[in-house]
Amino acid sequence: MEIEIKLPVDSARKGRALLRRHGFEVIEPRVFEQNLVLDDEDRSLFARGVLLRVRRVGNKVTCTAKGPEIPSRHKKREEWEFEASAFEPCLAFFATIGYQESFRYEKYRTEFAVPGEPGLVTLDETPIGVYIELEGAARWIDRTAQKLGFAVDTWILASYGRLYVEWCEARGIEPTSMRF
């Protein structure tokens, strides 16, 4: 079960400083991610609230399926992941069974944690802004968001795809892919 929230920050520099000030340490250094959301031509996965994603970070390829969101004050949904051996054959496999790229988003991600604490924090630098993501047990998320100084009304439960569409709409831009 994935439970998470996003928190908006003014810049990556300010986000890193905030996290370090509260005892978070880098556990995975900053990497570039390419994320391809796959769907069939009828967009049936999207219609059902299901996400199928292939992520490439360097030579690492991760395939993720997420179920529909479960009503909660956090973003909550079932999640399954596995690693694939190569990016292009993975995409070819999904294309063979009818799933093509429907949306692409890119980001730079740094992972943080407090030694001995159960949750994971990421700092995501995207073309539309910088976000801290808290992932873990609901109580840990609540305590951590409060400790970092974020009120509940600043929490973001939307996906990066939804945030991108809203960002484009606010600027009168036709959404395509969220790329640098």
N, C-alpha and C. Protein backbone atom coordinates (compact mmCIF):
# COMPACT_ATOMS: atom_id res chain seq x y z
N MET A 1 0.85 -1.18 0.00
CA MET A 1 0.00 0.00 0.00
C MET A 1 0.89 1.24 0.00
N GLU A 2 0.67 2.11 -0.94
CA GLU A 2 1.41 3.38 -1.00
C GLU A 2 0.56 4.46 -0.33
N ILE A 3 1.16 5.16 0.63
CA ILE A 3 0.51 6.29 1.29
C ILE A 3 1.49 7.45 1.21
N GLU A 4 1.03 8.58 0.65
CA GLU A 4 1.94 9.69 0.45
C GLU A 4 1.20 11.02 0.35
N ILE A 5 1.97 12.11 0.47
CA ILE A 5 1.50 13.45 0.17
C ILE A 5 2.67 14.20 -0.48
N LYS A 6 2.33 15.26 -1.21
CA LYS A 6 3.34 16.17 -1.75
C LYS A 6 3.22 17.50 -1.02
N LEU A 7 4.35 18.17 -0.85
CA LEU A 7 4.41 19.47 -0.21
C LEU A 7 5.17 20.42 -1.13
N PRO A 8 4.59 21.56 -1.49
CA PRO A 8 5.29 22.48 -2.39
C PRO A 8 6.38 23.26 -1.66
N VAL A 9 7.53 23.42 -2.30
CA VAL A 9 8.61 24.24 -1.76
C VAL A 9 9.07 25.22 -2.83
N ASP A 10 9.64 26.33 -2.39
CA ASP A 10 10.02 27.40 -3.31
C ASP A 10 11.17 27.03 -4.24
N SER A 11 12.10 26.21 -3.74
CA SER A 11 13.26 25.84 -4.55
C SER A 11 13.88 24.57 -3.97
N ALA A 12 14.70 23.93 -4.78
CA ALA A 12 15.41 22.74 -4.30
C ALA A 12 16.35 23.10 -3.16
N ARG A 13 17.01 24.24 -3.27
CA ARG A 13 17.94 24.68 -2.23
C ARG A 13 17.21 24.83 -0.90
N LYS A 14 16.04 25.48 -0.92
CA LYS A 14 15.27 25.67 0.31
C LYS A 14 14.73 24.33 0.83
N GLY A 15 14.32 23.45 -0.07
CA GLY A 15 13.84 22.14 0.35
C GLY A 15 14.93 21.32 1.03
N ARG A 16 16.12 21.30 0.43
CA ARG A 16 17.24 20.56 1.04
C ARG A 16 17.59 21.13 2.41
N ALA A 17 17.62 22.47 2.52
CA ALA A 17 17.95 23.11 3.80
C ALA A 17 16.91 22.76 4.86
N LEU A 18 15.64 22.79 4.49
CA LEU A 18 14.56 22.46 5.42
C LEU A 18 14.71 21.02 5.92
N LEU A 19 14.95 20.11 5.01
CA LEU A 19 15.08 18.70 5.40
C LEU A 19 16.30 18.48 6.29
N ARG A 20 17.42 19.06 5.94
CA ARG A 20 18.64 18.88 6.75
C ARG A 20 18.46 19.48 8.15
N ARG A 21 17.78 20.62 8.22
CA ARG A 21 17.52 21.28 9.50
C ARG A 21 16.72 20.37 10.44
N HIS A 22 15.93 19.48 9.88
CA HIS A 22 15.11 18.58 10.69
C HIS A 22 15.66 17.16 10.76
N GLY A 23 16.95 17.00 10.49
CA GLY A 23 17.62 15.72 10.70
C GLY A 23 17.58 14.73 9.55
N PHE A 24 17.05 15.14 8.40
CA PHE A 24 17.01 14.23 7.25
C PHE A 24 18.38 14.20 6.57
N GLU A 25 18.79 13.01 6.17
CA GLU A 25 20.05 12.81 5.48
C GLU A 25 19.78 12.21 4.10
N VAL A 26 20.63 12.53 3.14
CA VAL A 26 20.50 11.97 1.80
C VAL A 26 20.83 10.48 1.87
N ILE A 27 19.90 9.66 1.37
CA ILE A 27 20.17 8.22 1.30
C ILE A 27 20.34 7.76 -0.15
N GLU A 28 19.83 8.55 -1.10
CA GLU A 28 20.05 8.31 -2.52
C GLU A 28 20.29 9.67 -3.16
N PRO A 29 21.46 9.87 -3.76
CA PRO A 29 21.75 11.18 -4.33
C PRO A 29 20.86 11.53 -5.51
N ARG A 30 20.89 12.78 -5.88
CA ARG A 30 20.06 13.34 -6.95
C ARG A 30 20.28 12.56 -8.26
N VAL A 31 19.16 12.11 -8.85
CA VAL A 31 19.20 11.38 -10.12
C VAL A 31 18.11 11.93 -11.04
N PHE A 32 18.31 11.75 -12.33
CA PHE A 32 17.32 12.12 -13.32
C PHE A 32 16.42 10.93 -13.58
N GLU A 33 15.11 11.17 -13.56
CA GLU A 33 14.12 10.13 -13.82
C GLU A 33 13.31 10.46 -15.06
N GLN A 34 13.09 9.43 -15.85
CA GLN A 34 12.16 9.51 -16.98
C GLN A 34 11.01 8.56 -16.64
N ASN A 35 9.79 9.07 -16.64
CA ASN A 35 8.62 8.28 -16.28
C ASN A 35 7.66 8.26 -17.45
N LEU A 36 7.32 7.08 -17.94
CA LEU A 36 6.36 6.94 -19.03
C LEU A 36 5.11 6.26 -18.49
N VAL A 37 4.00 6.96 -18.61
CA VAL A 37 2.70 6.40 -18.23
C VAL A 37 2.15 5.73 -19.48
N LEU A 38 1.73 4.50 -19.33
CA LEU A 38 1.23 3.71 -20.45
C LEU A 38 -0.27 3.51 -20.32
N ASP A 39 -0.92 3.44 -21.48
CA ASP A 39 -2.36 3.15 -21.51
C ASP A 39 -2.70 2.62 -22.89
N ASP A 40 -3.90 2.07 -23.03
CA ASP A 40 -4.33 1.62 -24.35
C ASP A 40 -4.93 2.81 -25.12
N GLU A 41 -5.30 2.59 -26.36
CA GLU A 41 -5.78 3.70 -27.18
C GLU A 41 -7.10 4.28 -26.67
N ASP A 42 -7.86 3.51 -25.90
CA ASP A 42 -9.12 4.00 -25.33
C ASP A 42 -8.91 4.67 -23.97
N ARG A 43 -7.67 4.67 -23.48
CA ARG A 43 -7.34 5.21 -22.16
C ARG A 43 -8.17 4.55 -21.05
N SER A 44 -8.32 3.24 -21.17
CA SER A 44 -9.16 2.51 -20.22
C SER A 44 -8.54 2.44 -18.82
N LEU A 45 -7.21 2.42 -18.73
CA LEU A 45 -6.59 2.41 -17.40
C LEU A 45 -6.88 3.73 -16.68
N PHE A 46 -6.67 4.83 -17.38
CA PHE A 46 -6.95 6.15 -16.82
C PHE A 46 -8.41 6.25 -16.37
N ALA A 47 -9.32 5.75 -17.20
CA ALA A 47 -10.75 5.80 -16.89
C ALA A 47 -11.07 5.04 -15.60
N ARG A 48 -10.30 3.99 -15.32
CA ARG A 48 -10.53 3.18 -14.10
C ARG A 48 -9.71 3.68 -12.91
N GLY A 49 -8.89 4.73 -13.12
CA GLY A 49 -8.06 5.24 -12.04
C GLY A 49 -6.83 4.39 -11.78
N VAL A 50 -6.42 3.62 -12.78
CA VAL A 50 -5.27 2.72 -12.67
C VAL A 50 -4.08 3.36 -13.39
N LEU A 51 -2.89 3.22 -12.82
CA LEU A 51 -1.67 3.75 -13.42
C LEU A 51 -0.74 2.60 -13.77
N LEU A 52 -0.22 2.62 -14.99
CA LEU A 52 0.83 1.71 -15.43
C LEU A 52 1.99 2.59 -15.86
N ARG A 53 3.14 2.44 -15.18
CA ARG A 53 4.27 3.33 -15.43
C ARG A 53 5.56 2.54 -15.59
N VAL A 54 6.40 3.01 -16.52
CA VAL A 54 7.76 2.49 -16.67
C VAL A 54 8.70 3.66 -16.36
N ARG A 55 9.58 3.45 -15.39
CA ARG A 55 10.51 4.50 -14.96
C ARG A 55 11.93 4.08 -15.29
N ARG A 56 12.68 5.03 -15.85
CA ARG A 56 14.10 4.78 -16.13
C ARG A 56 14.94 5.76 -15.33
N VAL A 57 15.87 5.20 -14.55
CA VAL A 57 16.85 5.98 -13.80
C VAL A 57 18.20 5.37 -14.15
N GLY A 58 18.94 6.05 -15.02
CA GLY A 58 20.18 5.45 -15.51
C GLY A 58 19.86 4.18 -16.26
N ASN A 59 20.46 3.05 -15.85
CA ASN A 59 20.18 1.76 -16.48
C ASN A 59 19.11 0.96 -15.73
N LYS A 60 18.60 1.50 -14.65
CA LYS A 60 17.58 0.80 -13.86
C LYS A 60 16.19 1.11 -14.43
N VAL A 61 15.41 0.06 -14.65
CA VAL A 61 14.07 0.18 -15.21
C VAL A 61 13.09 -0.45 -14.21
N THR A 62 12.11 0.33 -13.79
CA THR A 62 11.11 -0.14 -12.83
C THR A 62 9.73 -0.02 -13.44
N CYS A 63 8.98 -1.10 -13.38
CA CYS A 63 7.59 -1.11 -13.86
C CYS A 63 6.69 -1.06 -12.63
N THR A 64 5.71 -0.16 -12.68
CA THR A 64 4.83 0.05 -11.54
C THR A 64 3.38 0.04 -12.00
N ALA A 65 2.54 -0.64 -11.25
CA ALA A 65 1.09 -0.58 -11.45
C ALA A 65 0.50 -0.09 -10.14
N LYS A 66 -0.41 0.88 -10.25
CA LYS A 66 -1.08 1.42 -9.06
C LYS A 66 -2.58 1.29 -9.27
N GLY A 67 -3.26 0.83 -8.22
CA GLY A 67 -4.70 0.71 -8.28
C GLY A 67 -5.39 2.05 -8.09
N PRO A 68 -6.71 2.05 -8.16
CA PRO A 68 -7.46 3.29 -7.94
C PRO A 68 -7.19 3.85 -6.54
N GLU A 69 -7.31 5.17 -6.43
CA GLU A 69 -7.09 5.80 -5.13
C GLU A 69 -8.16 5.37 -4.14
N ILE A 70 -7.74 5.21 -2.90
CA ILE A 70 -8.62 4.85 -1.80
C ILE A 70 -8.89 6.14 -1.03
N PRO A 71 -10.16 6.49 -0.82
CA PRO A 71 -10.46 7.75 -0.14
C PRO A 71 -9.74 7.85 1.21
N SER A 72 -9.03 8.97 1.40
CA SER A 72 -8.22 9.18 2.60
C SER A 72 -7.77 10.63 2.61
N ARG A 73 -7.27 11.11 3.73
CA ARG A 73 -6.70 12.46 3.78
C ARG A 73 -5.29 12.47 3.20
N HIS A 74 -4.79 11.28 2.85
CA HIS A 74 -3.51 11.11 2.18
C HIS A 74 -3.79 10.49 0.81
N LYS A 75 -2.82 10.53 -0.08
CA LYS A 75 -2.95 9.80 -1.34
C LYS A 75 -2.63 8.34 -1.00
N LYS A 76 -3.60 7.46 -1.25
CA LYS A 76 -3.47 6.07 -0.82
C LYS A 76 -3.96 5.17 -1.93
N ARG A 77 -3.09 4.21 -2.31
CA ARG A 77 -3.49 3.24 -3.33
C ARG A 77 -2.58 2.03 -3.28
N GLU A 78 -3.11 0.90 -3.76
CA GLU A 78 -2.28 -0.30 -3.86
C GLU A 78 -1.23 -0.08 -4.94
N GLU A 79 -0.06 -0.66 -4.72
CA GLU A 79 1.04 -0.48 -5.67
C GLU A 79 1.82 -1.78 -5.80
N TRP A 80 2.18 -2.12 -7.04
CA TRP A 80 3.01 -3.29 -7.33
C TRP A 80 4.15 -2.83 -8.22
N GLU A 81 5.36 -3.31 -7.93
CA GLU A 81 6.53 -2.93 -8.72
C GLU A 81 7.43 -4.12 -8.98
N PHE A 82 8.11 -4.05 -10.11
CA PHE A 82 9.18 -5.01 -10.40
C PHE A 82 10.19 -4.33 -11.31
N GLU A 83 11.40 -4.86 -11.31
CA GLU A 83 12.44 -4.32 -12.18
C GLU A 83 12.49 -5.11 -13.48
N ALA A 84 12.71 -4.39 -14.56
CA ALA A 84 12.90 -5.00 -15.88
C ALA A 84 14.38 -4.90 -16.23
N SER A 85 14.83 -5.77 -17.13
CA SER A 85 16.26 -5.78 -17.45
C SER A 85 16.68 -4.67 -18.41
N ALA A 86 15.75 -4.17 -19.23
CA ALA A 86 16.11 -3.13 -20.21
C ALA A 86 14.89 -2.30 -20.58
N PHE A 87 15.11 -1.03 -20.87
CA PHE A 87 14.04 -0.07 -21.12
C PHE A 87 13.27 -0.35 -22.42
N GLU A 88 13.96 -0.37 -23.54
CA GLU A 88 13.29 -0.52 -24.84
C GLU A 88 12.54 -1.85 -24.96
N PRO A 89 13.14 -2.99 -24.60
CA PRO A 89 12.37 -4.24 -24.65
C PRO A 89 11.15 -4.22 -23.72
N CYS A 90 11.27 -3.54 -22.59
CA CYS A 90 10.13 -3.43 -21.68
C CYS A 90 8.99 -2.69 -22.36
N LEU A 91 9.30 -1.56 -23.00
CA LEU A 91 8.27 -0.79 -23.70
C LEU A 91 7.69 -1.60 -24.86
N ALA A 92 8.54 -2.35 -25.56
CA ALA A 92 8.07 -3.19 -26.67
C ALA A 92 7.12 -4.27 -26.16
N PHE A 93 7.44 -4.85 -25.02
CA PHE A 93 6.57 -5.85 -24.41
C PHE A 93 5.18 -5.26 -24.16
N PHE A 94 5.13 -4.10 -23.49
CA PHE A 94 3.83 -3.49 -23.19
C PHE A 94 3.10 -3.07 -24.46
N ALA A 95 3.83 -2.61 -25.48
CA ALA A 95 3.20 -2.23 -26.75
C ALA A 95 2.55 -3.45 -27.40
N THR A 96 3.20 -4.60 -27.29
CA THR A 96 2.66 -5.83 -27.87
C THR A 96 1.30 -6.19 -27.28
N ILE A 97 1.11 -5.86 -26.03
CA ILE A 97 -0.19 -6.18 -25.40
C ILE A 97 -1.12 -4.95 -25.35
N GLY A 98 -0.75 -3.91 -26.11
CA GLY A 98 -1.67 -2.80 -26.31
C GLY A 98 -1.47 -1.55 -25.47
N TYR A 99 -0.33 -1.46 -24.77
CA TYR A 99 -0.10 -0.30 -23.92
C TYR A 99 1.06 0.54 -24.47
N GLN A 100 0.72 1.77 -24.84
CA GLN A 100 1.68 2.72 -25.41
C GLN A 100 1.85 3.90 -24.46
N GLU A 101 2.88 4.69 -24.69
CA GLU A 101 3.08 5.90 -23.90
C GLU A 101 1.91 6.86 -24.10
N SER A 102 1.30 7.28 -22.98
CA SER A 102 0.23 8.27 -23.04
C SER A 102 0.65 9.60 -22.42
N PHE A 103 1.69 9.55 -21.58
CA PHE A 103 2.19 10.76 -20.93
C PHE A 103 3.60 10.47 -20.44
N ARG A 104 4.46 11.47 -20.55
CA ARG A 104 5.84 11.35 -20.06
C ARG A 104 6.11 12.51 -19.12
N TYR A 105 6.73 12.18 -18.00
CA TYR A 105 7.15 13.27 -17.10
C TYR A 105 8.56 12.98 -16.60
N GLU A 106 9.29 14.07 -16.41
CA GLU A 106 10.68 13.98 -15.98
C GLU A 106 10.85 14.75 -14.69
N LYS A 107 11.82 14.31 -13.91
CA LYS A 107 12.15 15.01 -12.67
C LYS A 107 13.54 14.60 -12.22
N TYR A 108 14.09 15.42 -11.36
CA TYR A 108 15.30 15.07 -10.63
C TYR A 108 14.85 14.75 -9.21
N ARG A 109 15.29 13.61 -8.70
CA ARG A 109 14.84 13.15 -7.39
C ARG A 109 16.03 12.86 -6.49
N THR A 110 15.92 13.34 -5.24
CA THR A 110 16.87 13.04 -4.18
C THR A 110 16.07 12.41 -3.05
N GLU A 111 16.57 11.30 -2.50
CA GLU A 111 15.87 10.63 -1.41
C GLU A 111 16.55 10.92 -0.07
N PHE A 112 15.69 11.16 0.94
CA PHE A 112 16.15 11.48 2.29
C PHE A 112 15.46 10.57 3.29
N ALA A 113 16.07 10.42 4.45
CA ALA A 113 15.46 9.73 5.58
C ALA A 113 16.13 10.21 6.85
N VAL A 114 15.44 10.03 7.96
CA VAL A 114 16.03 10.24 9.27
C VAL A 114 16.44 8.87 9.76
N PRO A 115 17.71 8.67 10.13
CA PRO A 115 18.14 7.36 10.61
C PRO A 115 17.22 6.85 11.72
N GLY A 116 16.76 5.62 11.55
CA GLY A 116 15.91 4.99 12.55
C GLY A 116 14.42 5.29 12.42
N GLU A 117 14.04 6.18 11.50
CA GLU A 117 12.62 6.47 11.27
C GLU A 117 12.13 5.67 10.07
N PRO A 118 10.83 5.33 10.05
CA PRO A 118 10.32 4.43 9.03
C PRO A 118 10.00 5.04 7.66
N GLY A 119 9.77 6.33 7.55
CA GLY A 119 9.28 6.91 6.30
C GLY A 119 10.39 7.33 5.35
N LEU A 120 9.97 7.65 4.13
CA LEU A 120 10.88 8.09 3.08
C LEU A 120 10.45 9.48 2.62
N VAL A 121 11.42 10.34 2.40
CA VAL A 121 11.17 11.69 1.90
C VAL A 121 11.95 11.85 0.61
N THR A 122 11.28 12.38 -0.41
CA THR A 122 11.99 12.70 -1.64
C THR A 122 11.85 14.18 -1.92
N LEU A 123 12.86 14.72 -2.56
CA LEU A 123 12.83 16.09 -3.06
C LEU A 123 12.80 15.96 -4.57
N ASP A 124 11.67 16.35 -5.16
CA ASP A 124 11.46 16.21 -6.60
C ASP A 124 11.51 17.57 -7.28
N GLU A 125 12.46 17.72 -8.18
CA GLU A 125 12.59 18.94 -8.98
C GLU A 125 11.96 18.65 -10.34
N THR A 126 10.87 19.33 -10.65
CA THR A 126 10.14 19.08 -11.89
C THR A 126 10.10 20.34 -12.73
N PRO A 127 9.71 20.24 -14.00
CA PRO A 127 9.59 21.44 -14.84
C PRO A 127 8.50 22.41 -14.36
N ILE A 128 7.61 21.96 -13.46
CA ILE A 128 6.53 22.84 -12.99
C ILE A 128 6.68 23.24 -11.53
N GLY A 129 7.75 22.86 -10.89
CA GLY A 129 7.97 23.24 -9.50
C GLY A 129 8.72 22.18 -8.73
N VAL A 130 8.98 22.49 -7.47
CA VAL A 130 9.73 21.60 -6.59
C VAL A 130 8.80 21.14 -5.48
N TYR A 131 8.87 19.84 -5.18
CA TYR A 131 7.97 19.24 -4.20
C TYR A 131 8.75 18.30 -3.28
N ILE A 132 8.37 18.31 -2.02
CA ILE A 132 8.81 17.30 -1.08
C ILE A 132 7.69 16.27 -1.04
N GLU A 133 8.06 15.00 -1.14
CA GLU A 133 7.07 13.94 -1.06
C GLU A 133 7.36 13.13 0.20
N LEU A 134 6.33 12.93 1.00
CA LEU A 134 6.44 12.10 2.20
C LEU A 134 5.70 10.80 1.93
N GLU A 135 6.38 9.68 2.13
CA GLU A 135 5.77 8.37 1.91
C GLU A 135 6.04 7.48 3.11
N GLY A 136 4.96 6.90 3.63
CA GLY A 136 5.09 6.03 4.79
C GLY A 136 3.75 5.85 5.44
N ALA A 137 3.77 5.48 6.71
CA ALA A 137 2.53 5.31 7.47
C ALA A 137 1.85 6.67 7.65
N ALA A 138 0.53 6.65 7.70
CA ALA A 138 -0.24 7.90 7.80
C ALA A 138 0.19 8.74 8.99
N ARG A 139 0.35 8.13 10.15
CA ARG A 139 0.75 8.90 11.34
C ARG A 139 2.13 9.52 11.17
N TRP A 140 3.05 8.79 10.56
CA TRP A 140 4.39 9.34 10.31
C TRP A 140 4.30 10.54 9.36
N ILE A 141 3.49 10.42 8.31
CA ILE A 141 3.31 11.53 7.38
C ILE A 141 2.76 12.75 8.11
N ASP A 142 1.73 12.55 8.92
CA ASP A 142 1.12 13.66 9.67
C ASP A 142 2.15 14.36 10.56
N ARG A 143 2.88 13.57 11.33
CA ARG A 143 3.89 14.15 12.25
C ARG A 143 4.99 14.85 11.48
N THR A 144 5.45 14.24 10.39
CA THR A 144 6.56 14.81 9.64
C THR A 144 6.15 16.10 8.93
N ALA A 145 4.98 16.11 8.33
CA ALA A 145 4.50 17.34 7.67
C ALA A 145 4.40 18.47 8.68
N GLN A 146 3.87 18.17 9.85
CA GLN A 146 3.75 19.19 10.89
C GLN A 146 5.14 19.65 11.34
N LYS A 147 6.06 18.71 11.56
CA LYS A 147 7.42 19.04 11.99
C LYS A 147 8.11 19.95 10.97
N LEU A 148 7.83 19.71 9.67
CA LEU A 148 8.44 20.53 8.61
C LEU A 148 7.73 21.87 8.43
N GLY A 149 6.60 22.06 9.12
CA GLY A 149 5.91 23.34 9.08
C GLY A 149 4.81 23.46 8.03
N PHE A 150 4.28 22.33 7.57
CA PHE A 150 3.23 22.35 6.54
C PHE A 150 1.87 22.04 7.15
N ALA A 151 0.94 22.96 7.00
CA ALA A 151 -0.43 22.74 7.45
C ALA A 151 -1.13 21.78 6.49
N VAL A 152 -2.17 21.11 6.97
CA VAL A 152 -2.89 20.13 6.17
C VAL A 152 -3.41 20.76 4.87
N ASP A 153 -3.81 22.01 4.90
CA ASP A 153 -4.36 22.63 3.69
C ASP A 153 -3.32 22.90 2.61
N THR A 154 -2.04 22.65 2.89
CA THR A 154 -0.99 22.80 1.86
C THR A 154 -0.63 21.46 1.23
N TRP A 155 -1.16 20.37 1.78
CA TRP A 155 -0.85 19.05 1.26
C TRP A 155 -1.42 18.89 -0.13
N ILE A 156 -0.68 18.22 -0.99
CA ILE A 156 -1.12 17.95 -2.35
C ILE A 156 -1.26 16.44 -2.51
N LEU A 157 -2.43 16.00 -2.97
CA LEU A 157 -2.68 14.58 -3.19
C LEU A 157 -2.67 14.23 -4.67
N ALA A 158 -2.59 15.22 -5.53
CA ALA A 158 -2.64 15.00 -6.97
C ALA A 158 -1.35 14.36 -7.48
N SER A 159 -1.48 13.65 -8.60
CA SER A 159 -0.32 13.07 -9.28
C SER A 159 0.43 14.17 -10.02
N TYR A 160 1.65 13.85 -10.46
CA TYR A 160 2.39 14.82 -11.27
C TYR A 160 1.68 15.08 -12.59
N GLY A 161 1.01 14.07 -13.13
CA GLY A 161 0.24 14.27 -14.35
C GLY A 161 -0.87 15.29 -14.15
N ARG A 162 -1.63 15.15 -13.05
CA ARG A 162 -2.72 16.09 -12.75
C ARG A 162 -2.15 17.48 -12.48
N LEU A 163 -1.05 17.58 -11.73
CA LEU A 163 -0.44 18.88 -11.45
C LEU A 163 0.01 19.56 -12.75
N TYR A 164 0.55 18.77 -13.67
CA TYR A 164 1.00 19.31 -14.94
C TYR A 164 -0.17 19.86 -15.76
N VAL A 165 -1.26 19.11 -15.83
CA VAL A 165 -2.44 19.57 -16.57
C VAL A 165 -2.97 20.87 -15.96
N GLU A 166 -3.05 20.93 -14.64
CA GLU A 166 -3.51 22.15 -13.98
C GLU A 166 -2.57 23.32 -14.24
N TRP A 167 -1.26 23.07 -14.24
CA TRP A 167 -0.25 24.09 -14.51
C TRP A 167 -0.43 24.63 -15.92
N CYS A 168 -0.63 23.73 -16.89
CA CYS A 168 -0.83 24.14 -18.28
C CYS A 168 -2.13 24.94 -18.43
N GLU A 169 -3.21 24.46 -17.81
CA GLU A 169 -4.49 25.16 -17.90
C GLU A 169 -4.38 26.58 -17.35
N ALA A 170 -3.66 26.76 -16.25
CA ALA A 170 -3.50 28.08 -15.64
C ALA A 170 -2.73 29.03 -16.55
N ARG A 171 -1.95 28.49 -17.49
CA ARG A 171 -1.14 29.30 -18.38
C ARG A 171 -1.65 29.31 -19.82
N GLY A 172 -2.77 28.64 -20.06
CA GLY A 172 -3.33 28.58 -21.40
C GLY A 172 -2.47 27.79 -22.38
N ILE A 173 -1.78 26.76 -21.85
CA ILE A 173 -0.88 25.93 -22.65
C ILE A 173 -1.54 24.57 -22.87
N GLU A 174 -1.40 24.02 -24.06
CA GLU A 174 -1.90 22.68 -24.34
C GLU A 174 -0.97 21.66 -23.71
N PRO A 175 -1.47 20.79 -22.80
CA PRO A 175 -0.59 19.79 -22.16
C PRO A 175 -0.07 18.78 -23.17
N THR A 176 1.20 18.45 -23.04
CA THR A 176 1.82 17.40 -23.86
C THR A 176 2.53 16.45 -22.93
N SER A 177 3.80 16.67 -22.72
CA SER A 177 4.59 15.89 -21.78
C SER A 177 5.32 16.86 -20.85
N MET A 178 5.52 16.47 -19.61
CA MET A 178 6.20 17.31 -18.62
C MET A 178 7.69 17.00 -18.68
N ARG A 179 8.37 17.76 -19.55
CA ARG A 179 9.80 17.51 -19.78
C ARG A 179 10.59 18.80 -19.60
N PHE A 180 11.86 18.62 -19.28
CA PHE A 180 12.76 19.78 -19.15
C PHE A 180 13.14 20.29 -20.53
